[in-house]
C-alpha atoms as a PDB file:
ATOM      1  CA  UNK A   1     101.170 101.775 101.652  1.00  0.00           C
ATOM      2  CA  UNK A   2     100.339  99.836  98.514  1.00  0.00           C
ATOM      3  CA  UNK A   3      96.823  98.439  98.248  1.00  0.00           C
ATOM      4  CA  UNK A   4      96.410  94.668  98.116  1.00  0.00           C
ATOM      5  CA  UNK A   5      93.327  92.762  97.008  1.00  0.00           C
ATOM      6  CA  UNK A   6      93.094  89.362  98.689  1.00  0.00           C
ATOM      7  CA  UNK A   7      89.313  89.053  98.403  1.00  0.00           C
ATOM      8  CA  UNK A   8      87.962  85.869  96.847  1.00  0.00           C
ATOM      9  CA  UNK A   9      88.138  82.102  97.135  1.00  0.00           C
ATOM     10  CA  UNK A  10      91.488  80.807  98.370  1.00  0.00           C
ATOM     11  CA  UNK A  11      92.221  77.116  98.770  1.00  0.00           C
ATOM     12  CA  UNK A  12      94.251  75.808 101.690  1.00  0.00           C
ATOM     13  CA  UNK A  13      95.968  73.299  99.418  1.00  0.00           C
ATOM     14  CA  UNK A  14      96.921  69.827 100.618  1.00  0.00           C
ATOM     15  CA  UNK A  15     100.458  68.561 100.084  1.00  0.00           C
ATOM     16  CA  UNK A  16     100.369  65.231  98.226  1.00  0.00           C
ATOM     17  CA  UNK A  17     102.861  62.557  99.259  1.00  0.00           C
ATOM     18  CA  UNK A  18     103.712  59.233  97.642  1.00  0.00           C
ATOM     19  CA  UNK A  19     105.943  56.571  99.177  1.00  0.00           C
ATOM     20  CA  UNK A  20     107.196  59.055 101.744  1.00  0.00           C
ATOM     21  CA  UNK A  21     108.207  61.703  99.211  1.00  0.00           C
ATOM     22  CA  UNK A  22     106.497  64.698  97.623  1.00  0.00           C
ATOM     23  CA  UNK A  23     104.227  63.835  94.711  1.00  0.00           C
ATOM     24  CA  UNK A  24     104.870  66.728  92.337  1.00  0.00           C
ATOM     25  CA  UNK A  25     102.793  65.161  89.571  1.00  0.00           C
ATOM     26  CA  UNK A  26      99.747  65.113  91.850  1.00  0.00           C
ATOM     27  CA  UNK A  27     100.552  68.651  93.038  1.00  0.00           C
ATOM     28  CA  UNK A  28     100.503  69.808  89.423  1.00  0.00           C
ATOM     29  CA  UNK A  29      97.124  68.144  88.878  1.00  0.00           C
ATOM     30  CA  UNK A  30      95.677  69.760  91.994  1.00  0.00           C
ATOM     31  CA  UNK A  31      96.908  73.234  91.082  1.00  0.00           C
ATOM     32  CA  UNK A  32      95.631  73.038  87.498  1.00  0.00           C
ATOM     33  CA  UNK A  33      92.261  71.874  88.829  1.00  0.00           C
ATOM     34  CA  UNK A  34      92.105  74.859  91.186  1.00  0.00           C
ATOM     35  CA  UNK A  35      92.906  77.344  88.432  1.00  0.00           C
ATOM     36  CA  UNK A  36      90.329  75.778  86.105  1.00  0.00           C
ATOM     37  CA  UNK A  37      87.769  75.967  88.927  1.00  0.00           C
ATOM     38  CA  UNK A  38      88.185  79.715  89.289  1.00  0.00           C
ATOM     39  CA  UNK A  39      90.095  79.755  92.578  1.00  0.00           C
ATOM     40  CA  UNK A  40      91.527  83.192  93.381  1.00  0.00           C
ATOM     41  CA  UNK A  41      94.666  81.977  95.083  1.00  0.00           C
ATOM     42  CA  UNK A  42      96.570  79.062  96.551  1.00  0.00           C
ATOM     43  CA  UNK A  43      97.611  78.931 100.188  1.00  0.00           C
ATOM     44  CA  UNK A  44     100.683  76.720 100.075  1.00  0.00           C
ATOM     45  CA  UNK A  45     101.952  74.936 103.187  1.00  0.00           C
ATOM     46  CA  UNK A  46      99.450  76.103 105.710  1.00  0.00           C
ATOM     47  CA  UNK A  47      97.900  73.767 108.295  1.00  0.00           C
ATOM     48  CA  UNK A  48      96.105  71.794 105.567  1.00  0.00           C
ATOM     49  CA  UNK A  49      99.402  71.464 103.689  1.00  0.00           C
ATOM     50  CA  UNK A  50     101.022  69.634 106.638  1.00  0.00           C
ATOM     51  CA  UNK A  51     103.710  72.307 106.830  1.00  0.00           C
ATOM     52  CA  UNK A  52     104.804  71.072 110.249  1.00  0.00           C
ATOM     53  CA  UNK A  53     106.163  67.833 108.768  1.00  0.00           C
ATOM     54  CA  UNK A  54     107.965  68.980 105.607  1.00  0.00           C
ATOM     55  CA  UNK A  55     111.701  69.624 105.512  1.00  0.00           C
ATOM     56  CA  UNK A  56     113.244  72.939 104.477  1.00  0.00           C
ATOM     57  CA  UNK A  57     114.213  71.463 101.102  1.00  0.00           C
ATOM     58  CA  UNK A  58     110.671  70.136 100.584  1.00  0.00           C
ATOM     59  CA  UNK A  59     109.220  73.514 101.550  1.00  0.00           C
ATOM     60  CA  UNK A  60     111.324  75.206  98.893  1.00  0.00           C
ATOM     61  CA  UNK A  61     110.424  72.612  96.247  1.00  0.00           C
ATOM     62  CA  UNK A  62     106.679  72.739  96.933  1.00  0.00           C
ATOM     63  CA  UNK A  63     106.476  76.529  96.995  1.00  0.00           C
ATOM     64  CA  UNK A  64     108.721  77.082  93.968  1.00  0.00           C
ATOM     65  CA  UNK A  65     106.726  74.467  92.013  1.00  0.00           C
ATOM     66  CA  UNK A  66     103.442  76.164  92.908  1.00  0.00           C
ATOM     67  CA  UNK A  67     104.751  79.614  91.962  1.00  0.00           C
ATOM     68  CA  UNK A  68     105.983  78.310  88.615  1.00  0.00           C
ATOM     69  CA  UNK A  69     102.706  76.508  87.858  1.00  0.00           C
ATOM     70  CA  UNK A  70     100.509  79.430  88.886  1.00  0.00           C
ATOM     71  CA  UNK A  71     102.569  81.728  86.648  1.00  0.00           C
ATOM     72  CA  UNK A  72     100.366  84.752  87.143  1.00  0.00           C
ATOM     73  CA  UNK A  73      97.131  82.781  86.683  1.00  0.00           C
ATOM     74  CA  UNK A  74      96.326  82.874  90.384  1.00  0.00           C
ATOM     75  CA  UNK A  75      97.888  84.349  93.488  1.00  0.00           C
ATOM     76  CA  UNK A  76     100.183  82.542  95.942  1.00  0.00           C
ATOM     77  CA  UNK A  77     100.104  82.897  99.723  1.00  0.00           C
ATOM     78  CA  UNK A  78     102.696  80.908 101.670  1.00  0.00           C
ATOM     79  CA  UNK A  79     102.311  79.639 105.194  1.00  0.00           C
ATOM     80  CA  UNK A  80     105.318  81.083 107.020  1.00  0.00           C
ATOM     81  CA  UNK A  81     104.235  81.060 110.653  1.00  0.00           C
ATOM     82  CA  UNK A  82     106.133  79.690 113.620  1.00  0.00           C
ATOM     83  CA  UNK A  83     106.100  80.025 117.382  1.00  0.00           C
ATOM     84  CA  UNK A  84     109.601  81.484 117.020  1.00  0.00           C
ATOM     85  CA  UNK A  85     109.537  85.018 115.676  1.00  0.00           C
ATOM     86  CA  UNK A  86     112.989  84.657 114.108  1.00  0.00           C
ATOM     87  CA  UNK A  87     111.931  81.416 112.369  1.00  0.00           C
ATOM     88  CA  UNK A  88     108.774  83.115 111.053  1.00  0.00           C
ATOM     89  CA  UNK A  89     110.826  86.032 109.689  1.00  0.00           C
ATOM     90  CA  UNK A  90     113.319  83.662 108.040  1.00  0.00           C
ATOM     91  CA  UNK A  91     110.554  81.562 106.498  1.00  0.00           C
ATOM     92  CA  UNK A  92     108.807  84.707 105.218  1.00  0.00           C
ATOM     93  CA  UNK A  93     112.047  85.930 103.638  1.00  0.00           C
ATOM     94  CA  UNK A  94     112.417  82.539 101.950  1.00  0.00           C
ATOM     95  CA  UNK A  95     108.834  82.635 100.655  1.00  0.00           C
ATOM     96  CA  UNK A  96     109.444  86.123  99.242  1.00  0.00           C
ATOM     97  CA  UNK A  97     112.606  84.909  97.517  1.00  0.00           C
ATOM     98  CA  UNK A  98     110.703  81.968  96.001  1.00  0.00           C
ATOM     99  CA  UNK A  99     108.023  84.248  94.535  1.00  0.00           C
ATOM    100  CA  UNK A 100     105.080  84.099  96.941  1.00  0.00           C
ATOM    101  CA  UNK A 101     102.962  87.251  96.981  1.00  0.00           C
ATOM    102  CA  UNK A 102     101.700  87.071 100.572  1.00  0.00           C
ATOM    103  CA  UNK A 103     102.605  85.396 103.866  1.00  0.00           C
ATOM    104  CA  UNK A 104     100.026  83.663 106.059  1.00  0.00           C
ATOM    105  CA  UNK A 105     101.356  83.912 109.617  1.00  0.00           C
ATOM    106  CA  UNK A 106      99.680  81.956 112.399  1.00  0.00           C
ATOM    107  CA  UNK A 107      99.395  83.137 115.985  1.00  0.00           C
ATOM    108  CA  UNK A 108     102.367  81.648 117.866  1.00  0.00           C
ATOM    109  CA  UNK A 109     101.347  78.288 119.299  1.00  0.00           C
ATOM    110  CA  UNK A 110     102.475  76.408 122.405  1.00  0.00           C
ATOM    111  CA  UNK A 111     104.294  79.358 124.006  1.00  0.00           C
ATOM    112  CA  UNK A 112     100.978  81.329 124.039  1.00  0.00           C
ATOM    113  CA  UNK A 113     102.164  84.970 123.955  1.00  0.00           C
ATOM    114  CA  UNK A 114     100.102  87.731 125.542  1.00  0.00           C
ATOM    115  CA  UNK A 115      98.385  90.262 123.255  1.00  0.00           C
ATOM    116  CA  UNK A 116     101.459  92.485 123.591  1.00  0.00           C
ATOM    117  CA  UNK A 117     103.642  89.548 122.546  1.00  0.00           C
ATOM    118  CA  UNK A 118     101.380  88.823 119.579  1.00  0.00           C
ATOM    119  CA  UNK A 119     101.634  92.432 118.434  1.00  0.00           C
ATOM    120  CA  UNK A 120     105.428  92.437 118.758  1.00  0.00           C
ATOM    121  CA  UNK A 121     105.647  89.125 116.872  1.00  0.00           C
ATOM    122  CA  UNK A 122     103.523  90.135 113.881  1.00  0.00           C
ATOM    123  CA  UNK A 123     105.063  93.617 113.730  1.00  0.00           C
ATOM    124  CA  UNK A 124     108.537  92.095 113.455  1.00  0.00           C
ATOM    125  CA  UNK A 125     107.460  89.682 110.698  1.00  0.00           C
ATOM    126  CA  UNK A 126     105.750  92.491 108.759  1.00  0.00           C
ATOM    127  CA  UNK A 127     108.763  94.796 109.070  1.00  0.00           C
ATOM    128  CA  UNK A 128     111.493  92.249 108.359  1.00  0.00           C
ATOM    129  CA  UNK A 129     109.952  89.410 106.331  1.00  0.00           C
ATOM    130  CA  UNK A 130     109.585  91.187 103.004  1.00  0.00           C
ATOM    131  CA  UNK A 131     105.984  90.153 102.262  1.00  0.00           C
ATOM    132  CA  UNK A 132     102.531  91.542 103.067  1.00  0.00           C
ATOM    133  CA  UNK A 133     101.263  89.634 106.096  1.00  0.00           C
ATOM    134  CA  UNK A 134      97.876  87.968 106.526  1.00  0.00           C
ATOM    135  CA  UNK A 135      97.284  87.142 110.180  1.00  0.00           C
ATOM    136  CA  UNK A 136      95.930  83.674 110.988  1.00  0.00           C
ATOM    137  CA  UNK A 137      93.830  83.221 114.097  1.00  0.00           C
ATOM    138  CA  UNK A 138      92.954  79.584 114.814  1.00  0.00           C
ATOM    139  CA  UNK A 139      92.502  79.096 118.564  1.00  0.00           C
ATOM    140  CA  UNK A 140      91.604  75.421 118.179  1.00  0.00           C
ATOM    141  CA  UNK A 141      95.120  74.770 116.879  1.00  0.00           C
ATOM    142  CA  UNK A 142      97.191  77.310 118.791  1.00  0.00           C
ATOM    143  CA  UNK A 143      95.584  77.387 122.224  1.00  0.00           C
ATOM    144  CA  UNK A 144      95.349  81.192 122.061  1.00  0.00           C
ATOM    145  CA  UNK A 145      92.631  83.458 120.666  1.00  0.00           C
ATOM    146  CA  UNK A 146      93.753  86.696 119.029  1.00  0.00           C
ATOM    147  CA  UNK A 147      91.293  89.272 120.330  1.00  0.00           C
ATOM    148  CA  UNK A 148      89.553  91.840 118.072  1.00  0.00           C
ATOM    149  CA  UNK A 149      91.306  94.724 119.845  1.00  0.00           C
ATOM    150  CA  UNK A 150      94.676  93.063 119.155  1.00  0.00           C
ATOM    151  CA  UNK A 151      93.760  92.727 115.485  1.00  0.00           C
ATOM    152  CA  UNK A 152      92.662  96.375 115.411  1.00  0.00           C
ATOM    153  CA  UNK A 153      96.099  97.417 116.669  1.00  0.00           C
ATOM    154  CA  UNK A 154      97.878  95.161 114.186  1.00  0.00           C
ATOM    155  CA  UNK A 155      95.765  96.461 111.277  1.00  0.00           C
ATOM    156  CA  UNK A 156      97.413  99.875 111.737  1.00  0.00           C
ATOM    157  CA  UNK A 157     100.885  98.433 111.095  1.00  0.00           C
ATOM    158  CA  UNK A 158     102.094  98.877 107.491  1.00  0.00           C
ATOM    159  CA  UNK A 159     102.360  95.518 105.741  1.00  0.00           C
ATOM    160  CA  UNK A 160      99.645  93.749 107.748  1.00  0.00           C
ATOM    161  CA  UNK A 161      96.778  93.562 105.272  1.00  0.00           C
ATOM    162  CA  UNK A 162      94.215  91.044 106.529  1.00  0.00           C
ATOM    163  CA  UNK A 163      93.315  88.064 108.653  1.00  0.00           C
ATOM    164  CA  UNK A 164      92.237  84.485 108.187  1.00  0.00           C
ATOM    165  CA  UNK A 165      89.775  84.299 111.078  1.00  0.00           C
ATOM    166  CA  UNK A 166      89.106  80.725 112.199  1.00  0.00           C
ATOM    167  CA  UNK A 167      87.742  81.208 115.698  1.00  0.00           C
ATOM    168  CA  UNK A 168      84.347  79.952 114.540  1.00  0.00           C
ATOM    169  CA  UNK A 169      82.814  83.024 116.186  1.00  0.00           C
ATOM    170  CA  UNK A 170      80.719  85.309 113.969  1.00  0.00           C
ATOM    171  CA  UNK A 171      80.446  87.944 116.699  1.00  0.00           C
ATOM    172  CA  UNK A 172      84.245  88.083 116.868  1.00  0.00           C
ATOM    173  CA  UNK A 173      84.441  88.359 113.073  1.00  0.00           C
ATOM    174  CA  UNK A 174      82.011  91.276 113.214  1.00  0.00           C
ATOM    175  CA  UNK A 175      84.042  92.979 115.924  1.00  0.00           C
ATOM    176  CA  UNK A 176      87.205  92.643 113.816  1.00  0.00           C
ATOM    177  CA  UNK A 177      85.495  94.043 110.709  1.00  0.00           C
ATOM    178  CA  UNK A 178      84.026  96.926 112.701  1.00  0.00           C
ATOM    179  CA  UNK A 179      87.353  97.733 114.340  1.00  0.00           C
ATOM    180  CA  UNK A 180      89.647  97.687 111.308  1.00  0.00           C
ATOM    181  CA  UNK A 181      90.016  99.953 108.239  1.00  0.00           C
ATOM    182  CA  UNK A 182      88.054  99.255 105.060  1.00  0.00           C
ATOM    183  CA  UNK A 183      91.199  98.089 103.254  1.00  0.00           C
ATOM    184  CA  UNK A 184      91.940  95.444 105.914  1.00  0.00           C
ATOM    185  CA  UNK A 185      90.463  92.165 104.666  1.00  0.00           C
ATOM    186  CA  UNK A 186      88.867  89.451 106.766  1.00  0.00           C
ATOM    187  CA  UNK A 187      88.752  86.015 105.144  1.00  0.00           C
ATOM    188  CA  UNK A 188      86.729  83.240 106.738  1.00  0.00           C
ATOM    189  CA  UNK A 189      88.838  80.387 108.064  1.00  0.00           C
ATOM    190  CA  UNK A 190      85.825  78.132 108.624  1.00  0.00           C
ATOM    191  CA  UNK A 191      84.125  76.696 105.536  1.00  0.00           C
ATOM    192  CA  UNK A 192      80.766  76.361 107.238  1.00  0.00           C
ATOM    193  CA  UNK A 193      80.746  80.078 108.115  1.00  0.00           C
ATOM    194  CA  UNK A 194      81.921  81.538 104.813  1.00  0.00           C
ATOM    195  CA  UNK A 195      78.565  82.738 103.537  1.00  0.00           C
ATOM    196  CA  UNK A 196      77.351  84.070 106.932  1.00  0.00           C
ATOM    197  CA  UNK A 197      80.722  85.773 107.459  1.00  0.00           C
ATOM    198  CA  UNK A 198      80.513  87.399 104.040  1.00  0.00           C
ATOM    199  CA  UNK A 199      77.030  88.640 104.893  1.00  0.00           C
ATOM    200  CA  UNK A 200      78.584  90.722 107.695  1.00  0.00           C
ATOM    201  CA  UNK A 201      81.576  91.944 105.711  1.00  0.00           C
ATOM    202  CA  UNK A 202      84.131  89.163 105.152  1.00  0.00           C
ATOM    203  CA  UNK A 203      85.603  89.279 101.652  1.00  0.00           C
ATOM    204  CA  UNK A 204      86.071  85.559 101.013  1.00  0.00           C
ATOM    205  CA  UNK A 205      87.529  82.376 102.440  1.00  0.00           C
ATOM    206  CA  UNK A 206      90.661  80.316 102.822  1.00  0.00           C
ATOM    207  CA  UNK A 207      88.937  77.014 102.243  1.00  0.00           C
ATOM    208  CA  UNK A 208      89.569  73.337 102.910  1.00  0.00           C
ATOM    209  CA  UNK A 209      86.448  72.304 100.973  1.00  0.00           C
ATOM    210  CA  UNK A 210      87.771  74.033  97.843  1.00  0.00           C
ATOM    211  CA  UNK A 211      90.293  71.191  97.566  1.00  0.00           C
ATOM    212  CA  UNK A 212      87.329  68.942  96.726  1.00  0.00           C
ATOM    213  CA  UNK A 213      84.925  71.349  94.977  1.00  0.00           C
ATOM    214  CA  UNK A 214      86.911  74.411  93.854  1.00  0.00           C
ATOM    215  CA  UNK A 215      84.321  75.663  91.381  1.00  0.00           C
ATOM    216  CA  UNK A 216      81.447  75.503  93.879  1.00  0.00           C
ATOM    217  CA  UNK A 217      83.333  77.435  96.553  1.00  0.00           C
ATOM    218  CA  UNK A 218      84.539  79.998  94.005  1.00  0.00           C
ATOM    219  CA  UNK A 219      80.994  80.436  92.675  1.00  0.00           C
ATOM    220  CA  UNK A 220      79.577  80.944  96.165  1.00  0.00           C
ATOM    221  CA  UNK A 221      82.198  83.547  97.063  1.00  0.00           C
ATOM    222  CA  UNK A 222      81.769  85.338  93.739  1.00  0.00           C
ATOM    223  CA  UNK A 223      77.999  85.405  94.248  1.00  0.00           C
ATOM    224  CA  UNK A 224      78.352  86.859  97.749  1.00  0.00           C
ATOM    225  CA  UNK A 225      80.863  89.494  96.619  1.00  0.00           C
ATOM    226  CA  UNK A 226      78.484  90.588  93.860  1.00  0.00           C
ATOM    227  CA  UNK A 227      75.471  90.680  96.194  1.00  0.00           C
ATOM    228  CA  UNK A 228      73.704  87.634  94.735  1.00  0.00           C
ATOM    229  CA  UNK A 229      72.699  86.321  98.152  1.00  0.00           C
ATOM    230  CA  UNK A 230      70.079  83.819  96.933  1.00  0.00           C
ATOM    231  CA  UNK A 231      72.742  81.992  94.889  1.00  0.00           C
ATOM    232  CA  UNK A 232      75.323  82.239  97.676  1.00  0.00           C
ATOM    233  CA  UNK A 233      72.809  80.806 100.141  1.00  0.00           C
ATOM    234  CA  UNK A 234      71.839  78.003  97.770  1.00  0.00           C
ATOM    235  CA  UNK A 235      75.470  76.901  97.364  1.00  0.00           C
ATOM    236  CA  UNK A 236      76.108  77.312 101.113  1.00  0.00           C
ATOM    237  CA  UNK A 237      73.450  74.687 101.834  1.00  0.00           C
ATOM    238  CA  UNK A 238      74.689  72.402  99.054  1.00  0.00           C
ATOM    239  CA  UNK A 239      78.120  72.476 100.719  1.00  0.00           C
ATOM    240  CA  UNK A 240      76.858  72.124 104.279  1.00  0.00           C
ATOM    241  CA  UNK A 241      77.327  68.371 104.691  1.00  0.00           C
ATOM    242  CA  UNK A 242      80.702  68.356 102.944  1.00  0.00           C
ATOM    243  CA  UNK A 243      81.927  71.207 105.135  1.00  0.00           C
ATOM    244  CA  UNK A 244      80.981  69.163 108.217  1.00  0.00           C
ATOM    245  CA  UNK A 245      82.352  65.872 106.891  1.00  0.00           C
ATOM    246  CA  UNK A 246      85.787  67.305 106.068  1.00  0.00           C
ATOM    247  CA  UNK A 247      86.307  68.016 109.778  1.00  0.00           C
ATOM    248  CA  UNK A 248      85.037  64.690 111.129  1.00  0.00           C
ATOM    249  CA  UNK A 249      88.660  63.999 112.096  1.00  0.00           C
ATOM    250  CA  UNK A 250      91.662  66.318 112.297  1.00  0.00           C
ATOM    251  CA  UNK A 251      92.226  68.336 109.123  1.00  0.00           C
ATOM    252  CA  UNK A 252      93.696  67.380 106.600  1.00  0.00           C
ATOM    253  CA  UNK A 253      92.883  63.698 107.216  1.00  0.00           C
ATOM    254  CA  UNK A 254      89.330  63.738 105.746  1.00  0.00           C
ATOM    255  CA  UNK A 255      90.119  66.049 102.819  1.00  0.00           C
ATOM    256  CA  UNK A 256      93.089  63.930 101.751  1.00  0.00           C
ATOM    257  CA  UNK A 257      90.914  60.842 101.981  1.00  0.00           C
ATOM    258  CA  UNK A 258      88.312  62.551  99.788  1.00  0.00           C
ATOM    259  CA  UNK A 259      90.894  63.521  97.167  1.00  0.00           C
ATOM    260  CA  UNK A 260      92.278  59.984  97.217  1.00  0.00           C
ATOM    261  CA  UNK A 261      88.798  58.530  96.720  1.00  0.00           C
ATOM    262  CA  UNK A 262      88.433  60.892  93.759  1.00  0.00           C
ATOM    263  CA  UNK A 263      91.660  59.502  92.278  1.00  0.00           C
ATOM    264  CA  UNK A 264      93.582  62.766  92.561  1.00  0.00           C
ATOM    265  CA  UNK A 265      96.232  61.843  95.158  1.00  0.00           C
ATOM    266  CA  UNK A 266      97.527  58.881  97.119  1.00  0.00           C
ATOM    267  CA  UNK A 267      95.996  58.701 100.584  1.00  0.00           C
ATOM    268  CA  UNK A 268      99.225  59.344 102.410  1.00  0.00           C
ATOM    269  CA  UNK A 269      99.929  61.373 105.519  1.00  0.00           C
ATOM    270  CA  UNK A 270     102.910  62.076 107.692  1.00  0.00           C
ATOM    271  CA  UNK A 271     102.953  61.010 111.313  1.00  0.00           C
ATOM    272  CA  UNK A 272     101.505  61.907 113.698  1.00  0.00           C
ATOM    273  CA  UNK A 273      98.568  62.025 111.260  1.00  0.00           C
ATOM    274  CA  UNK A 274      97.124  58.617 110.396  1.00  0.00           C
ATOM    275  CA  UNK A 275      94.502  57.487 107.840  1.00  0.00           C
ATOM    276  CA  UNK A 276      90.796  58.158 108.254  1.00  0.00           C
ATOM    277  CA  UNK A 277      88.913  55.597 110.323  1.00  0.00           C
ATOM    278  CA  UNK A 278      87.026  53.051 108.207  1.00  0.00           C
ATOM    279  CA  UNK A 279      83.580  54.081 109.468  1.00  0.00           C
ATOM    280  CA  UNK A 280      84.285  57.715 108.602  1.00  0.00           C
ATOM    281  CA  UNK A 281      85.752  56.776 105.230  1.00  0.00           C
ATOM    282  CA  UNK A 282      82.525  54.954 104.398  1.00  0.00           C
ATOM    283  CA  UNK A 283      80.434  57.985 105.410  1.00  0.00           C
ATOM    284  CA  UNK A 284      82.662  60.257 103.338  1.00  0.00           C
ATOM    285  CA  UNK A 285      82.447  57.934 100.320  1.00  0.00           C
ATOM    286  CA  UNK A 286      78.643  57.924 100.561  1.00  0.00           C
ATOM    287  CA  UNK A 287      78.545  61.729 100.565  1.00  0.00           C
ATOM    288  CA  UNK A 288      81.037  62.049  97.692  1.00  0.00           C
ATOM    289  CA  UNK A 289      78.903  59.619  95.698  1.00  0.00           C
ATOM    290  CA  UNK A 290      75.726  61.568  96.457  1.00  0.00           C
ATOM    291  CA  UNK A 291      77.485  64.722  95.240  1.00  0.00           C
ATOM    292  CA  UNK A 292      78.537  62.994  92.016  1.00  0.00           C
ATOM    293  CA  UNK A 293      82.226  63.300  92.829  1.00  0.00           C
ATOM    294  CA  UNK A 294      82.920  59.561  92.761  1.00  0.00           C
ATOM    295  CA  UNK A 295      81.143  56.554  91.235  1.00  0.00           C
ATOM    296  CA  UNK A 296      78.556  54.679  93.262  1.00  0.00           C
END
């Protein structure tokens, strides 16, 4: 099997909307800002990208635009997961056709498959989808935790190359790293745990905070990968309050509010997501000001 390097700082990119439609001008600005900040790759249309509320035509337009803009300057991973295996395979085939390099495939939600069902699901996507698969474990969203022994089984399947692990459990991350081959990559799915996770063997992050501070997240990950733990720790603590604040309400509500306050996008969501509460917006604005990201 070919070797794939997905280590580094990945951003779970937001999808900017304006007046109900996609805002491709803002998307361009966001992507250029990520590349300039040293981001390794863009995760397009994951949870943070509000994939659940975009149409098929919008999905194609967003992903094709991102692929064209990245143009070899950074990697592209497309969210292709579904709680229907056939839908996940079809979406992965589409992402491959549009030029994505990897597929991020979430544990099936709502129907809550058993470990055997999870293995059958991911195996089918890896075999039929046409892209290397990065598993995505996020129990807080799906209602199901993918166990380390399940991941260990999946890691033996050709085409399954890594996992975005967002259980928030460092012990579980360690068990996954210990139970999978060296070329299987664990990426942190929790911004607040990126540096600790890398200390036990994670190779980077798929980050929400990188939407706001791409260069800081990229610098922290680069420092950890090179063994500069004092610098990684220093940046970890500088990011601590932001990492907490961006999850004060359901993601991506706070991060879109932050980007809007920074003048990068319109603060627009798709139902059932609604704008950030005023008290939380004020707290976020205070922090962004303290960090020098917006004027006082």
